[in-house]
N, C-alpha and C. Protein backbone atom coordinates (compact mmCIF):
# COMPACT_ATOMS: atom_id res chain seq x y z
N MET A 1 -11.05 -15.24 210.30
CA MET A 1 -11.41 -15.48 208.94
C MET A 1 -11.66 -14.17 208.27
N SER A 2 -11.14 -13.95 207.10
CA SER A 2 -11.29 -12.72 206.38
C SER A 2 -12.37 -12.84 205.31
N THR A 3 -13.11 -11.77 205.07
CA THR A 3 -14.13 -11.80 204.05
C THR A 3 -13.46 -11.19 202.80
N GLN A 4 -13.56 -11.93 201.73
CA GLN A 4 -13.00 -11.45 200.47
C GLN A 4 -14.11 -10.74 199.66
N HIS A 5 -13.75 -9.59 199.24
CA HIS A 5 -14.67 -8.81 198.38
C HIS A 5 -14.18 -8.93 196.98
N PRO A 6 -15.07 -9.15 196.03
CA PRO A 6 -14.68 -9.30 194.67
C PRO A 6 -14.12 -8.04 194.09
N THR A 7 -13.20 -8.19 193.20
CA THR A 7 -12.63 -6.99 192.59
C THR A 7 -13.65 -6.48 191.50
N GLY A 8 -13.37 -5.28 191.11
CA GLY A 8 -14.29 -4.69 190.07
C GLY A 8 -14.28 -5.56 188.84
N GLU A 9 -13.14 -6.16 188.53
CA GLU A 9 -13.03 -6.95 187.32
C GLU A 9 -13.94 -8.21 187.47
N SER A 10 -13.90 -8.86 188.62
CA SER A 10 -14.70 -10.07 188.80
C SER A 10 -16.21 -9.68 188.88
N LEU A 11 -16.57 -8.57 189.43
CA LEU A 11 -17.95 -8.11 189.38
C LEU A 11 -18.38 -7.89 187.94
N GLU A 12 -17.58 -7.23 187.14
CA GLU A 12 -17.91 -7.02 185.76
C GLU A 12 -18.12 -8.32 185.01
N SER A 13 -17.32 -9.31 185.34
CA SER A 13 -17.41 -10.66 184.78
C SER A 13 -18.78 -11.29 185.15
N GLN A 14 -19.16 -11.08 186.42
CA GLN A 14 -20.44 -11.63 186.87
C GLN A 14 -21.62 -10.92 186.14
N ILE A 15 -21.53 -9.58 185.99
CA ILE A 15 -22.55 -8.84 185.26
C ILE A 15 -22.68 -9.35 183.84
N LYS A 16 -21.57 -9.70 183.22
CA LYS A 16 -21.62 -10.18 181.85
C LYS A 16 -22.30 -11.55 181.75
N LEU A 17 -22.18 -12.37 182.88
CA LEU A 17 -22.84 -13.66 182.93
C LEU A 17 -24.34 -13.52 182.92
N LEU A 18 -24.93 -12.38 183.29
CA LEU A 18 -26.33 -12.12 183.29
C LEU A 18 -26.87 -12.22 181.83
N ALA A 19 -26.03 -12.17 180.85
CA ALA A 19 -26.47 -12.21 179.45
C ALA A 19 -26.41 -13.67 178.91
N SER A 20 -26.03 -14.61 179.79
CA SER A 20 -25.88 -16.01 179.34
C SER A 20 -27.20 -16.52 178.76
N LYS A 21 -27.11 -17.35 177.78
CA LYS A 21 -28.28 -17.97 177.20
C LYS A 21 -28.80 -19.07 178.15
N ASP A 22 -27.98 -19.49 179.08
CA ASP A 22 -28.38 -20.55 180.06
C ASP A 22 -29.02 -19.89 181.25
N GLY A 23 -30.33 -20.19 181.39
CA GLY A 23 -31.15 -19.61 182.48
C GLY A 23 -30.55 -19.97 183.87
N GLY A 24 -30.00 -21.14 184.05
CA GLY A 24 -29.40 -21.54 185.28
C GLY A 24 -28.22 -20.65 185.66
N ILE A 25 -27.42 -20.36 184.67
CA ILE A 25 -26.25 -19.53 184.94
C ILE A 25 -26.70 -18.12 185.27
N ARG A 26 -27.69 -17.60 184.55
CA ARG A 26 -28.17 -16.24 184.93
C ARG A 26 -28.74 -16.21 186.34
N GLN A 27 -29.55 -17.24 186.68
CA GLN A 27 -30.14 -17.24 188.01
C GLN A 27 -29.07 -17.32 189.14
N SER A 28 -28.11 -18.23 188.92
CA SER A 28 -27.12 -18.41 189.98
C SER A 28 -26.18 -17.16 190.07
N THR A 29 -25.91 -16.48 188.92
CA THR A 29 -25.18 -15.26 188.92
C THR A 29 -25.94 -14.12 189.62
N ARG A 30 -27.26 -14.01 189.37
CA ARG A 30 -28.07 -13.05 190.03
C ARG A 30 -28.07 -13.27 191.53
N ARG A 31 -28.26 -14.52 191.93
CA ARG A 31 -28.31 -14.86 193.37
C ARG A 31 -26.92 -14.47 194.01
N ALA A 32 -25.84 -14.77 193.33
CA ALA A 32 -24.55 -14.40 193.88
C ALA A 32 -24.37 -12.89 194.02
N LEU A 33 -24.86 -12.14 193.09
CA LEU A 33 -24.79 -10.68 193.17
C LEU A 33 -25.66 -10.15 194.28
N VAL A 34 -26.82 -10.76 194.43
CA VAL A 34 -27.72 -10.32 195.54
C VAL A 34 -27.03 -10.64 196.85
N ALA A 35 -26.45 -11.80 196.95
CA ALA A 35 -25.75 -12.16 198.23
C ALA A 35 -24.64 -11.24 198.50
N LEU A 36 -23.96 -10.74 197.46
CA LEU A 36 -22.88 -9.80 197.60
C LEU A 36 -23.33 -8.42 198.11
N GLY A 37 -24.54 -8.06 197.65
CA GLY A 37 -25.20 -6.87 198.13
C GLY A 37 -24.55 -5.55 197.65
N GLU A 38 -24.29 -4.67 198.53
CA GLU A 38 -23.87 -3.26 198.28
C GLU A 38 -22.73 -3.19 197.20
N PRO A 39 -21.72 -3.97 197.24
CA PRO A 39 -20.65 -3.82 196.23
C PRO A 39 -21.15 -4.06 194.82
N ALA A 40 -22.22 -4.77 194.62
CA ALA A 40 -22.71 -5.00 193.27
C ALA A 40 -23.72 -3.96 192.76
N VAL A 41 -24.16 -3.10 193.61
CA VAL A 41 -25.31 -2.20 193.27
C VAL A 41 -24.91 -1.26 192.08
N LEU A 42 -23.79 -0.58 192.15
CA LEU A 42 -23.51 0.32 191.07
C LEU A 42 -23.38 -0.34 189.69
N LEU A 43 -22.77 -1.48 189.65
CA LEU A 43 -22.72 -2.19 188.35
C LEU A 43 -24.09 -2.70 187.90
N LEU A 44 -24.89 -3.10 188.81
CA LEU A 44 -26.28 -3.51 188.44
C LEU A 44 -27.05 -2.31 187.93
N ILE A 45 -26.89 -1.21 188.58
CA ILE A 45 -27.57 0.07 188.08
C ILE A 45 -27.13 0.33 186.65
N ALA A 46 -25.82 0.28 186.46
CA ALA A 46 -25.30 0.57 185.09
C ALA A 46 -25.90 -0.45 184.08
N ALA A 47 -25.98 -1.73 184.45
CA ALA A 47 -26.54 -2.69 183.56
C ALA A 47 -27.99 -2.46 183.27
N LEU A 48 -28.75 -2.04 184.31
CA LEU A 48 -30.15 -1.75 184.10
C LEU A 48 -30.29 -0.55 183.15
N GLN A 49 -29.45 0.42 183.31
CA GLN A 49 -29.62 1.63 182.49
C GLN A 49 -29.07 1.55 181.12
N SER A 50 -28.09 0.70 180.87
CA SER A 50 -27.41 0.77 179.55
C SER A 50 -27.34 -0.50 178.77
N SER A 51 -27.66 -1.67 179.37
CA SER A 51 -27.51 -2.88 178.59
C SER A 51 -28.52 -2.94 177.44
N LYS A 52 -28.03 -3.35 176.30
CA LYS A 52 -28.91 -3.53 175.12
C LYS A 52 -29.71 -4.83 175.29
N SER A 53 -29.29 -5.74 176.16
CA SER A 53 -29.94 -6.99 176.37
C SER A 53 -31.10 -6.88 177.40
N GLN A 54 -32.28 -7.21 176.88
CA GLN A 54 -33.50 -7.21 177.75
C GLN A 54 -33.25 -8.14 178.97
N GLN A 55 -32.55 -9.24 178.72
CA GLN A 55 -32.39 -10.28 179.78
C GLN A 55 -31.48 -9.69 180.87
N VAL A 56 -30.43 -8.95 180.51
CA VAL A 56 -29.52 -8.35 181.47
C VAL A 56 -30.28 -7.28 182.27
N ARG A 57 -31.08 -6.44 181.64
CA ARG A 57 -31.87 -5.49 182.31
C ARG A 57 -32.86 -6.11 183.27
N TRP A 58 -33.49 -7.20 182.87
CA TRP A 58 -34.42 -7.93 183.70
C TRP A 58 -33.75 -8.47 184.96
N GLU A 59 -32.61 -9.13 184.76
CA GLU A 59 -31.82 -9.68 185.90
C GLU A 59 -31.36 -8.59 186.80
N ALA A 60 -30.94 -7.42 186.23
CA ALA A 60 -30.43 -6.34 187.05
C ALA A 60 -31.57 -5.75 187.90
N ALA A 61 -32.77 -5.53 187.27
CA ALA A 61 -33.91 -5.07 188.01
C ALA A 61 -34.32 -6.01 189.14
N LYS A 62 -34.32 -7.26 188.89
CA LYS A 62 -34.65 -8.27 189.88
C LYS A 62 -33.70 -8.28 191.02
N ALA A 63 -32.40 -8.21 190.69
CA ALA A 63 -31.34 -8.17 191.70
C ALA A 63 -31.41 -6.90 192.51
N LEU A 64 -31.60 -5.81 191.89
CA LEU A 64 -31.68 -4.52 192.65
C LEU A 64 -32.81 -4.49 193.64
N GLY A 65 -33.94 -5.10 193.19
CA GLY A 65 -35.10 -5.16 194.07
C GLY A 65 -34.78 -6.07 195.29
N ALA A 66 -34.11 -7.13 195.04
CA ALA A 66 -33.79 -8.03 196.15
C ALA A 66 -32.73 -7.45 197.07
N ILE A 67 -31.82 -6.67 196.55
CA ILE A 67 -30.79 -6.04 197.41
C ILE A 67 -31.41 -4.97 198.27
N GLY A 68 -32.24 -4.10 197.66
CA GLY A 68 -32.91 -3.08 198.41
C GLY A 68 -32.09 -1.86 198.83
N ASP A 69 -31.10 -1.54 197.99
CA ASP A 69 -30.23 -0.37 198.27
C ASP A 69 -30.90 0.84 197.62
N SER A 70 -31.15 1.85 198.35
CA SER A 70 -31.87 3.08 197.92
C SER A 70 -31.15 3.79 196.78
N ARG A 71 -29.87 3.57 196.58
CA ARG A 71 -29.23 4.19 195.45
C ARG A 71 -29.78 3.75 194.10
N SER A 72 -30.52 2.59 194.12
CA SER A 72 -31.10 2.11 192.88
C SER A 72 -32.41 2.70 192.51
N ILE A 73 -33.02 3.48 193.38
CA ILE A 73 -34.33 4.04 193.15
C ILE A 73 -34.43 4.85 191.85
N PRO A 74 -33.45 5.80 191.64
CA PRO A 74 -33.65 6.57 190.36
C PRO A 74 -33.57 5.71 189.15
N ALA A 75 -32.70 4.67 189.11
CA ALA A 75 -32.56 3.77 187.90
C ALA A 75 -33.87 3.00 187.80
N LEU A 76 -34.39 2.54 188.91
CA LEU A 76 -35.62 1.73 188.86
C LEU A 76 -36.80 2.58 188.36
N VAL A 77 -36.90 3.84 188.77
CA VAL A 77 -37.96 4.78 188.25
C VAL A 77 -37.71 4.94 186.76
N GLU A 78 -36.55 5.09 186.32
CA GLU A 78 -36.24 5.29 184.88
C GLU A 78 -36.73 3.98 184.15
N ALA A 79 -36.49 2.82 184.76
CA ALA A 79 -36.78 1.52 184.12
C ALA A 79 -38.35 1.30 183.98
N LEU A 80 -39.11 2.13 184.70
CA LEU A 80 -40.54 2.07 184.48
C LEU A 80 -40.94 2.39 183.07
N GLU A 81 -39.98 3.03 182.34
CA GLU A 81 -40.25 3.35 180.92
C GLU A 81 -39.40 2.53 179.97
N ASP A 82 -38.89 1.43 180.44
CA ASP A 82 -38.08 0.52 179.59
C ASP A 82 -38.93 0.03 178.42
N ALA A 83 -38.23 -0.28 177.35
CA ALA A 83 -38.91 -0.78 176.11
C ALA A 83 -39.54 -2.11 176.39
N ASP A 84 -39.07 -2.90 177.38
CA ASP A 84 -39.61 -4.25 177.65
C ASP A 84 -40.50 -4.21 178.81
N GLY A 85 -41.69 -4.78 178.62
CA GLY A 85 -42.73 -4.79 179.63
C GLY A 85 -42.32 -5.61 180.92
N ASP A 86 -41.55 -6.66 180.70
CA ASP A 86 -41.11 -7.46 181.85
C ASP A 86 -40.12 -6.66 182.74
N VAL A 87 -39.22 -5.93 182.12
CA VAL A 87 -38.35 -5.09 182.87
C VAL A 87 -39.10 -4.02 183.62
N ARG A 88 -40.06 -3.44 182.96
CA ARG A 88 -40.91 -2.40 183.61
C ARG A 88 -41.60 -3.03 184.90
N TRP A 89 -42.16 -4.21 184.71
CA TRP A 89 -42.89 -4.86 185.78
C TRP A 89 -41.91 -5.11 186.96
N LEU A 90 -40.75 -5.67 186.67
CA LEU A 90 -39.77 -5.92 187.79
C LEU A 90 -39.31 -4.62 188.45
N ALA A 91 -39.13 -3.61 187.70
CA ALA A 91 -38.75 -2.30 188.26
C ALA A 91 -39.85 -1.85 189.24
N ALA A 92 -41.14 -1.94 188.83
CA ALA A 92 -42.24 -1.54 189.73
C ALA A 92 -42.28 -2.42 190.92
N GLU A 93 -42.10 -3.68 190.79
CA GLU A 93 -42.09 -4.59 191.97
C GLU A 93 -40.96 -4.16 192.91
N ALA A 94 -39.79 -3.90 192.38
CA ALA A 94 -38.67 -3.47 193.27
C ALA A 94 -38.97 -2.14 193.97
N LEU A 95 -39.56 -1.18 193.26
CA LEU A 95 -39.92 0.08 193.85
C LEU A 95 -40.96 -0.07 194.95
N ARG A 96 -41.87 -1.03 194.82
CA ARG A 96 -42.90 -1.20 195.87
C ARG A 96 -42.24 -1.55 197.20
N LYS A 97 -41.10 -2.26 197.14
CA LYS A 97 -40.44 -2.69 198.32
C LYS A 97 -39.83 -1.53 199.10
N PHE A 98 -39.54 -0.41 198.38
CA PHE A 98 -38.92 0.73 199.04
C PHE A 98 -40.02 1.61 199.72
N GLU A 99 -41.28 1.33 199.39
CA GLU A 99 -42.38 2.11 199.98
C GLU A 99 -42.13 3.59 199.80
N GLU A 100 -42.34 4.39 200.88
CA GLU A 100 -42.31 5.90 200.72
C GLU A 100 -40.87 6.37 200.43
N ALA A 101 -39.88 5.59 200.64
CA ALA A 101 -38.48 6.01 200.25
C ALA A 101 -38.40 6.27 198.71
N ALA A 102 -39.24 5.62 197.94
CA ALA A 102 -39.14 5.75 196.48
C ALA A 102 -40.02 6.98 196.02
N TRP A 103 -40.86 7.41 196.89
CA TRP A 103 -41.82 8.48 196.42
C TRP A 103 -41.18 9.72 195.90
N PRO A 104 -40.20 10.38 196.57
CA PRO A 104 -39.71 11.59 196.02
C PRO A 104 -39.24 11.53 194.54
N VAL A 105 -38.46 10.46 194.28
CA VAL A 105 -37.98 10.33 192.90
C VAL A 105 -39.16 9.99 191.88
N LEU A 106 -40.05 9.08 192.34
CA LEU A 106 -41.16 8.68 191.46
C LEU A 106 -42.11 9.88 191.27
N LEU A 107 -42.42 10.60 192.27
CA LEU A 107 -43.33 11.75 192.13
C LEU A 107 -42.75 12.91 191.37
N ARG A 108 -41.43 13.13 191.49
CA ARG A 108 -40.75 14.10 190.67
C ARG A 108 -40.86 13.78 189.20
N ARG A 109 -40.63 12.49 188.93
CA ARG A 109 -40.73 12.02 187.49
C ARG A 109 -42.14 12.17 186.97
N LEU A 110 -43.13 11.79 187.76
CA LEU A 110 -44.49 11.93 187.36
C LEU A 110 -44.94 13.37 187.11
N SER A 111 -44.34 14.24 187.95
CA SER A 111 -44.74 15.73 187.81
C SER A 111 -44.07 16.32 186.63
N GLU A 112 -43.08 15.66 186.00
CA GLU A 112 -42.39 16.17 184.79
C GLU A 112 -42.95 15.64 183.49
N ILE A 113 -44.04 14.85 183.57
CA ILE A 113 -44.60 14.29 182.34
C ILE A 113 -45.01 15.45 181.44
N GLU A 114 -44.59 15.40 180.19
CA GLU A 114 -44.98 16.42 179.26
C GLU A 114 -46.35 16.08 178.63
N ILE A 115 -47.23 16.98 178.70
CA ILE A 115 -48.58 16.67 178.12
C ILE A 115 -48.38 16.49 176.64
N GLY A 116 -49.12 15.39 176.19
CA GLY A 116 -49.02 15.07 174.77
C GLY A 116 -48.02 14.02 174.46
N THR A 117 -47.22 13.61 175.43
CA THR A 117 -46.30 12.53 175.22
C THR A 117 -46.99 11.23 175.75
N ASP A 118 -46.51 10.06 175.29
CA ASP A 118 -47.04 8.83 175.70
C ASP A 118 -46.37 8.48 177.08
N SER A 119 -47.13 8.61 178.09
CA SER A 119 -46.58 8.33 179.45
C SER A 119 -47.28 7.12 180.05
N SER A 120 -47.91 6.29 179.19
CA SER A 120 -48.67 5.23 179.72
C SER A 120 -47.86 4.20 180.49
N ALA A 121 -46.70 3.84 180.00
CA ALA A 121 -45.85 2.86 180.70
C ALA A 121 -45.44 3.40 182.11
N LEU A 122 -45.00 4.64 182.18
CA LEU A 122 -44.65 5.22 183.40
C LEU A 122 -45.81 5.30 184.33
N ARG A 123 -46.92 5.69 183.85
CA ARG A 123 -48.17 5.86 184.64
C ARG A 123 -48.62 4.48 185.20
N GLN A 124 -48.56 3.42 184.29
CA GLN A 124 -48.98 2.10 184.68
C GLN A 124 -48.00 1.59 185.82
N GLY A 125 -46.73 1.78 185.62
CA GLY A 125 -45.74 1.35 186.61
C GLY A 125 -45.93 2.05 187.91
N ALA A 126 -46.19 3.36 187.86
CA ALA A 126 -46.38 4.15 189.11
C ALA A 126 -47.64 3.71 189.82
N HIS A 127 -48.67 3.41 189.09
CA HIS A 127 -49.88 2.92 189.65
C HIS A 127 -49.66 1.64 190.39
N HIS A 128 -48.87 0.74 189.81
CA HIS A 128 -48.56 -0.54 190.43
C HIS A 128 -47.74 -0.30 191.78
N VAL A 129 -46.81 0.66 191.73
CA VAL A 129 -46.04 0.97 192.90
C VAL A 129 -46.84 1.53 194.04
N LEU A 130 -47.78 2.41 193.71
CA LEU A 130 -48.42 3.23 194.73
C LEU A 130 -49.77 2.74 195.22
N ARG A 131 -50.40 1.84 194.48
CA ARG A 131 -51.77 1.58 194.76
C ARG A 131 -52.10 0.95 196.07
N HIS A 132 -51.16 0.20 196.74
CA HIS A 132 -51.43 -0.44 198.02
C HIS A 132 -50.54 0.12 199.09
N GLN A 133 -50.06 1.31 198.93
CA GLN A 133 -49.19 1.87 199.94
C GLN A 133 -49.96 2.72 200.88
N ASP A 134 -49.35 2.84 202.12
CA ASP A 134 -49.90 3.67 203.14
C ASP A 134 -49.55 5.15 202.89
N GLY A 135 -50.50 6.02 202.98
CA GLY A 135 -50.30 7.40 202.67
C GLY A 135 -49.55 8.19 203.77
N HIS A 136 -49.36 7.60 204.92
CA HIS A 136 -48.62 8.23 206.06
C HIS A 136 -49.14 9.69 206.28
N GLY A 137 -50.45 9.79 206.42
CA GLY A 137 -51.04 11.10 206.70
C GLY A 137 -51.36 11.88 205.45
N LEU A 138 -50.99 11.32 204.31
CA LEU A 138 -51.31 12.03 203.02
C LEU A 138 -52.19 11.12 202.21
N ASP A 139 -53.01 10.43 202.90
CA ASP A 139 -53.91 9.37 202.20
C ASP A 139 -54.77 9.94 201.14
N ASP A 140 -55.38 11.14 201.40
CA ASP A 140 -56.23 11.76 200.38
C ASP A 140 -55.50 12.11 199.11
N LEU A 141 -54.30 12.59 199.29
CA LEU A 141 -53.45 12.91 198.07
C LEU A 141 -52.99 11.68 197.35
N LEU A 142 -52.67 10.65 198.10
CA LEU A 142 -52.24 9.39 197.52
C LEU A 142 -53.34 8.75 196.76
N VAL A 143 -54.59 8.77 197.31
CA VAL A 143 -55.74 8.20 196.67
C VAL A 143 -56.02 8.95 195.34
N ALA A 144 -55.88 10.31 195.37
CA ALA A 144 -56.12 11.16 194.23
C ALA A 144 -55.09 10.81 193.11
N LEU A 145 -53.85 10.62 193.50
CA LEU A 145 -52.81 10.24 192.51
C LEU A 145 -53.03 8.90 191.95
N VAL A 146 -53.40 7.94 192.78
CA VAL A 146 -53.63 6.56 192.23
C VAL A 146 -54.82 6.61 191.25
N ALA A 147 -55.83 7.42 191.55
CA ALA A 147 -56.96 7.54 190.64
C ALA A 147 -56.52 8.21 189.30
N ALA A 148 -55.63 9.17 189.43
CA ALA A 148 -55.11 9.88 188.22
C ALA A 148 -54.23 9.00 187.37
N LEU A 149 -53.73 7.90 187.99
CA LEU A 149 -52.87 6.95 187.26
C LEU A 149 -53.64 5.84 186.58
N GLU A 150 -54.95 5.84 186.84
CA GLU A 150 -55.77 4.79 186.19
C GLU A 150 -55.67 4.92 184.69
N PRO A 151 -55.77 3.81 183.92
CA PRO A 151 -55.61 3.83 182.49
C PRO A 151 -56.47 4.83 181.74
N ASN A 152 -57.70 5.02 182.17
CA ASN A 152 -58.59 5.95 181.46
C ASN A 152 -58.57 7.41 181.95
N ALA A 153 -57.75 7.69 182.98
CA ALA A 153 -57.65 8.98 183.51
C ALA A 153 -56.91 9.94 182.55
N ASP A 154 -57.19 11.16 182.65
CA ASP A 154 -56.50 12.25 181.89
C ASP A 154 -55.07 12.36 182.40
N PRO A 155 -54.07 12.12 181.54
CA PRO A 155 -52.68 12.18 181.98
C PRO A 155 -52.26 13.56 182.63
N SER A 156 -52.99 14.62 182.28
CA SER A 156 -52.61 15.90 182.90
C SER A 156 -52.99 15.89 184.38
N MET A 157 -53.98 15.09 184.78
CA MET A 157 -54.34 14.96 186.18
C MET A 157 -53.19 14.28 186.98
N THR A 158 -52.46 13.36 186.31
CA THR A 158 -51.33 12.75 186.96
C THR A 158 -50.30 13.84 187.35
N VAL A 159 -50.02 14.71 186.47
CA VAL A 159 -48.99 15.71 186.74
C VAL A 159 -49.46 16.57 187.96
N THR A 160 -50.69 17.00 187.96
CA THR A 160 -51.22 17.81 189.06
C THR A 160 -51.18 17.05 190.33
N ALA A 161 -51.71 15.88 190.33
CA ALA A 161 -51.73 15.06 191.57
C ALA A 161 -50.36 14.72 192.12
N ALA A 162 -49.43 14.37 191.24
CA ALA A 162 -48.07 14.03 191.63
C ALA A 162 -47.38 15.29 192.19
N THR A 163 -47.55 16.39 191.57
CA THR A 163 -46.88 17.67 191.98
C THR A 163 -47.44 18.01 193.39
N THR A 164 -48.73 17.88 193.59
CA THR A 164 -49.33 18.25 194.86
C THR A 164 -48.79 17.35 195.97
N LEU A 165 -48.76 16.05 195.72
CA LEU A 165 -48.25 15.10 196.74
C LEU A 165 -46.75 15.34 197.02
N PHE A 166 -46.00 15.55 195.96
CA PHE A 166 -44.58 15.79 196.06
C PHE A 166 -44.32 16.99 197.02
N ARG A 167 -45.04 18.07 196.82
CA ARG A 167 -44.84 19.29 197.59
C ARG A 167 -45.21 19.06 199.04
N ARG A 168 -46.06 18.10 199.40
CA ARG A 168 -46.46 17.84 200.76
C ARG A 168 -45.62 16.83 201.47
N LEU A 169 -44.67 16.25 200.77
CA LEU A 169 -43.76 15.26 201.43
C LEU A 169 -42.96 15.92 202.48
N PRO A 170 -42.74 15.18 203.57
CA PRO A 170 -41.89 15.81 204.66
C PRO A 170 -40.46 15.97 204.24
């Protein structure tokens, strides 16, 4: 028995179905893409990064989290700053599943926060990702970063704590 892999054209058709007004169609399409796994990842990343539709970005983030392919980590970190709060939440949930595999990209982004810019969405998402993770020998630095990500913390402390932890990663 041979396994058929969908063509790029049929994958693109499925991605377009994520914009359907029918929730059942969106859900069944997302499940089919998740079941497909690796071949769907790059198109889901593109949808997450560039779709004007909040619903498509939401479905893409949810699917990428379920698939668990590490190539999606940079796009999910970027989605922590999405205009839509639900997309940001799903991106954070997906990144939690990657555990320390997501840290380098997330910490690099946190260390690049420009002082004076509104980084609250990124900081809130990163807090959600990191707050219950194991520090793997870097517990003190992780605790300091999570504290710096608290809503009332000075954002400049985030940059310092993230940079320090990033430099100590193996």
